[in-house]
C-alpha atoms as a PDB file:
ATOM      1  CA  PRO A   1     -64.548  39.392  80.046  1.00  0.00           C
ATOM      2  CA  VAL A   2     -63.995  36.046  78.498  1.00  0.00           C
ATOM      3  CA  SER A   3     -62.083  36.191  75.567  1.00  0.00           C
ATOM      4  CA  VAL A   4     -62.758  33.234  72.841  1.00  0.00           C
ATOM      5  CA  PRO A   5     -60.592  32.813  69.970  1.00  0.00           C
ATOM      6  CA  HIS A   6     -62.088  33.471  66.450  1.00  0.00           C
ATOM      7  CA  THR A   7     -62.002  30.282  63.939  1.00  0.00           C
ATOM      8  CA  ARG A   8     -60.545  32.646  61.339  1.00  0.00           C
ATOM      9  CA  ASP A   9     -57.529  32.788  64.248  1.00  0.00           C
ATOM     10  CA  SER A  10     -57.229  28.945  64.430  1.00  0.00           C
ATOM     11  CA  ALA A  11     -57.229  28.153  60.835  1.00  0.00           C
ATOM     12  CA  ALA A  12     -54.496  30.757  60.002  1.00  0.00           C
ATOM     13  CA  ARG A  13     -52.124  28.732  62.390  1.00  0.00           C
ATOM     14  CA  CYS A  14     -53.236  25.341  60.876  1.00  0.00           C
ATOM     15  CA  ALA A  15     -52.024  26.652  57.555  1.00  0.00           C
ATOM     16  CA  ALA A  16     -48.709  27.553  58.263  1.00  0.00           C
ATOM     17  CA  LYS A  17     -47.683  24.367  59.703  1.00  0.00           C
ATOM     18  CA  THR A  18     -47.680  22.940  56.167  1.00  0.00           C
ATOM     19  CA  VAL A  19     -45.400  20.171  55.487  1.00  0.00           C
ATOM     20  CA  ALA A  20     -44.561  19.335  51.972  1.00  0.00           C
ATOM     21  CA  PRO A  21     -44.796  15.595  51.548  1.00  0.00           C
ATOM     22  CA  ALA A  22     -41.744  13.179  50.626  1.00  0.00           C
ATOM     23  CA  PRO A  23     -41.527  11.881  47.404  1.00  0.00           C
ATOM     24  CA  PRO A  24     -43.332   8.510  46.685  1.00  0.00           C
ATOM     25  CA  THR A  25     -41.357   5.445  46.290  1.00  0.00           C
ATOM     26  CA  VAL A  26     -41.514   3.527  42.993  1.00  0.00           C
ATOM     27  CA  SER A  27     -41.432   0.178  42.741  1.00  0.00           C
ATOM     28  CA  LEU A  28     -40.199  -1.237  39.440  1.00  0.00           C
ATOM     29  CA  LEU A  29     -39.199  -3.723  36.929  1.00  0.00           C
ATOM     30  CA  ALA A  30     -37.523  -3.488  34.030  1.00  0.00           C
ATOM     31  CA  HIS A  31     -36.800  -6.137  31.319  1.00  0.00           C
ATOM     32  CA  TYR A  32     -34.775  -5.656  28.036  1.00  0.00           C
ATOM     33  CA  ALA A  33     -35.377  -7.397  24.529  1.00  0.00           C
ATOM     34  CA  LYS A  34     -34.212  -6.650  21.020  1.00  0.00           C
ATOM     35  CA  GLY A  35     -33.099  -3.043  21.925  1.00  0.00           C
ATOM     36  CA  THR A  36     -36.246  -1.958  23.945  1.00  0.00           C
ATOM     37  CA  HIS A  37     -36.462  -1.675  27.693  1.00  0.00           C
ATOM     38  CA  SER A  38     -40.125  -2.638  29.034  1.00  0.00           C
ATOM     39  CA  ILE A  39     -40.674  -0.963  32.480  1.00  0.00           C
ATOM     40  CA  HIS A  40     -43.506  -1.550  34.687  1.00  0.00           C
ATOM     41  CA  GLY A  41     -44.136  -1.177  38.614  1.00  0.00           C
ATOM     42  CA  ASN A  42     -45.983   0.383  41.186  1.00  0.00           C
ATOM     43  CA  ILE A  43     -46.728   3.619  43.057  1.00  0.00           C
ATOM     44  CA  THR A  44     -48.549   4.416  46.245  1.00  0.00           C
ATOM     45  CA  ALA A  45     -51.018   7.238  45.415  1.00  0.00           C
ATOM     46  CA  PRO A  46     -52.620   9.199  48.598  1.00  0.00           C
ATOM     47  CA  ASP A  47     -56.184   7.916  47.413  1.00  0.00           C
ATOM     48  CA  ALA A  48     -58.344   6.005  45.045  1.00  0.00           C
ATOM     49  CA  CYS A  49     -59.324   8.950  43.537  1.00  0.00           C
ATOM     50  CA  THR A  50     -55.646   9.580  41.945  1.00  0.00           C
ATOM     51  CA  SER A  51     -54.518   8.100  38.278  1.00  0.00           C
ATOM     52  CA  VAL A  52     -50.703   7.821  37.163  1.00  0.00           C
ATOM     53  CA  THR A  53     -49.475   8.201  33.347  1.00  0.00           C
ATOM     54  CA  ALA A  54     -45.878   6.925  32.645  1.00  0.00           C
ATOM     55  CA  GLU A  55     -43.743   8.271  29.879  1.00  0.00           C
ATOM     56  CA  ALA A  56     -40.111   6.921  29.329  1.00  0.00           C
ATOM     57  CA  THR A  57     -37.478   8.682  27.206  1.00  0.00           C
ATOM     58  CA  THR A  58     -33.807   8.814  27.116  1.00  0.00           C
ATOM     59  CA  THR A  59     -31.190  11.675  27.450  1.00  0.00           C
ATOM     60  CA  GLY A  60     -27.853  11.744  26.896  1.00  0.00           C
ATOM     61  CA  ASP A  61     -25.482  10.671  23.654  1.00  0.00           C
ATOM     62  CA  ALA A  62     -24.371   7.192  22.525  1.00  0.00           C
ATOM     63  CA  SER A  63     -21.396   6.652  24.921  1.00  0.00           C
ATOM     64  CA  SER A  64     -23.905   8.003  28.063  1.00  0.00           C
ATOM     65  CA  THR A  65     -27.693   7.158  27.800  1.00  0.00           C
ATOM     66  CA  ALA A  66     -30.090   7.219  30.755  1.00  0.00           C
ATOM     67  CA  ILE A  67     -33.683   6.536  30.420  1.00  0.00           C
ATOM     68  CA  ILE A  68     -36.208   8.974  32.564  1.00  0.00           C
ATOM     69  CA  LEU A  69     -39.337   7.712  33.219  1.00  0.00           C
ATOM     70  CA  SER A  70     -41.574  10.460  34.223  1.00  0.00           C
ATOM     71  CA  LEU A  71     -44.768   9.722  36.271  1.00  0.00           C
ATOM     72  CA  SER A  72     -47.455  11.954  36.577  1.00  0.00           C
ATOM     73  CA  MET A  73     -50.006  11.890  39.322  1.00  0.00           C
ATOM     74  CA  PRO A  74     -51.741  14.949  39.126  1.00  0.00           C
ATOM     75  CA  GLN A  75     -53.501  15.703  42.438  1.00  0.00           C
ATOM     76  CA  ASP A  76     -57.488  15.053  42.731  1.00  0.00           C
ATOM     77  CA  SER A  77     -59.514  18.186  43.519  1.00  0.00           C
ATOM     78  CA  GLY A  78     -62.853  16.227  44.027  1.00  0.00           C
ATOM     79  CA  THR A  79     -63.818  14.760  47.459  1.00  0.00           C
ATOM     80  CA  CYS A  80     -62.040  11.398  47.869  1.00  0.00           C
ATOM     81  CA  LEU A  81     -61.397   9.129  50.578  1.00  0.00           C
ATOM     82  CA  GLU A  82     -57.852   9.415  51.300  1.00  0.00           C
ATOM     83  CA  LEU A  83     -56.976   5.814  51.248  1.00  0.00           C
ATOM     84  CA  PRO A  84     -53.633   4.902  49.889  1.00  0.00           C
ATOM     85  CA  THR A  85     -53.673   3.326  46.967  1.00  0.00           C
ATOM     86  CA  ASP A  86     -51.207   1.299  44.829  1.00  0.00           C
ATOM     87  CA  LEU A  87     -51.655   2.438  41.225  1.00  0.00           C
ATOM     88  CA  SER A  88     -49.763   0.346  37.982  1.00  0.00           C
ATOM     89  CA  PHE A  89     -47.911   1.740  35.530  1.00  0.00           C
ATOM     90  CA  SER A  90     -46.071   0.611  32.329  1.00  0.00           C
ATOM     91  CA  ALA A  91     -43.731   2.442  29.406  1.00  0.00           C
ATOM     92  CA  SER A  92     -41.423   1.112  26.474  1.00  0.00           C
ATOM     93  CA  VAL A  93     -38.056   3.064  25.613  1.00  0.00           C
ATOM     94  CA  ALA A  94     -35.389   1.972  23.004  1.00  0.00           C
ATOM     95  CA  ALA A  95     -31.975   2.536  24.450  1.00  0.00           C
ATOM     96  CA  PRO A  96     -28.888   0.691  25.014  1.00  0.00           C
ATOM     97  CA  ALA A  97     -28.936  -2.731  27.456  1.00  0.00           C
ATOM     98  CA  ASP A  98     -26.991  -0.918  30.457  1.00  0.00           C
ATOM     99  CA  ALA A  99     -28.814   2.527  30.166  1.00  0.00           C
ATOM    100  CA  PRO A 100     -29.910   3.242  34.108  1.00  0.00           C
ATOM    101  CA  ILE A 101     -33.033   4.359  34.707  1.00  0.00           C
ATOM    102  CA  LEU A 102     -33.879   7.396  36.537  1.00  0.00           C
ATOM    103  CA  VAL A 103     -37.446   8.261  37.988  1.00  0.00           C
ATOM    104  CA  THR A 104     -39.508  11.467  38.700  1.00  0.00           C
ATOM    105  CA  VAL A 105     -42.901  11.900  40.067  1.00  0.00           C
ATOM    106  CA  ASN A 106     -44.510  15.032  39.075  1.00  0.00           C
ATOM    107  CA  GLY A 107     -41.228  16.459  38.279  1.00  0.00           C
ATOM    108  CA  GLU A 108     -39.470  15.812  41.264  1.00  0.00           C
ATOM    109  CA  ALA A 109     -36.649  12.624  41.832  1.00  0.00           C
ATOM    110  CA  ALA A 110     -38.198   9.852  43.156  1.00  0.00           C
ATOM    111  CA  SER A 111     -36.670   6.779  44.781  1.00  0.00           C
ATOM    112  CA  THR A 112     -36.905   3.195  43.831  1.00  0.00           C
ATOM    113  CA  THR A 113     -36.952  -0.262  44.940  1.00  0.00           C
ATOM    114  CA  THR A 114     -37.420  -3.499  43.004  1.00  0.00           C
ATOM    115  CA  PRO A 115     -39.595  -6.187  44.321  1.00  0.00           C
END
């Protein structure tokens, strides 16, 4: 007798090996003028069908204010060519000149670089 694996057996093994992707790196520049931080930059999306939205808010009190830059990149559920694509974003927020900027992508902390 010959034993041939079923496709359902192969698919189950492949699904178990899924690894969570690393958080993306965000490239950003911030400009401060008249009490407002203008933040713009780029992030690499997994495909050209993905979009990005940016929202900047502040957290903390008057002596320790930080800027939270929240980037949202919802996963596209349609068929799309998986070609990494750079997406631009911008946001502004009123905060002290020395406020640090913390970046999240889809709620997860992201690393940042400056061009």
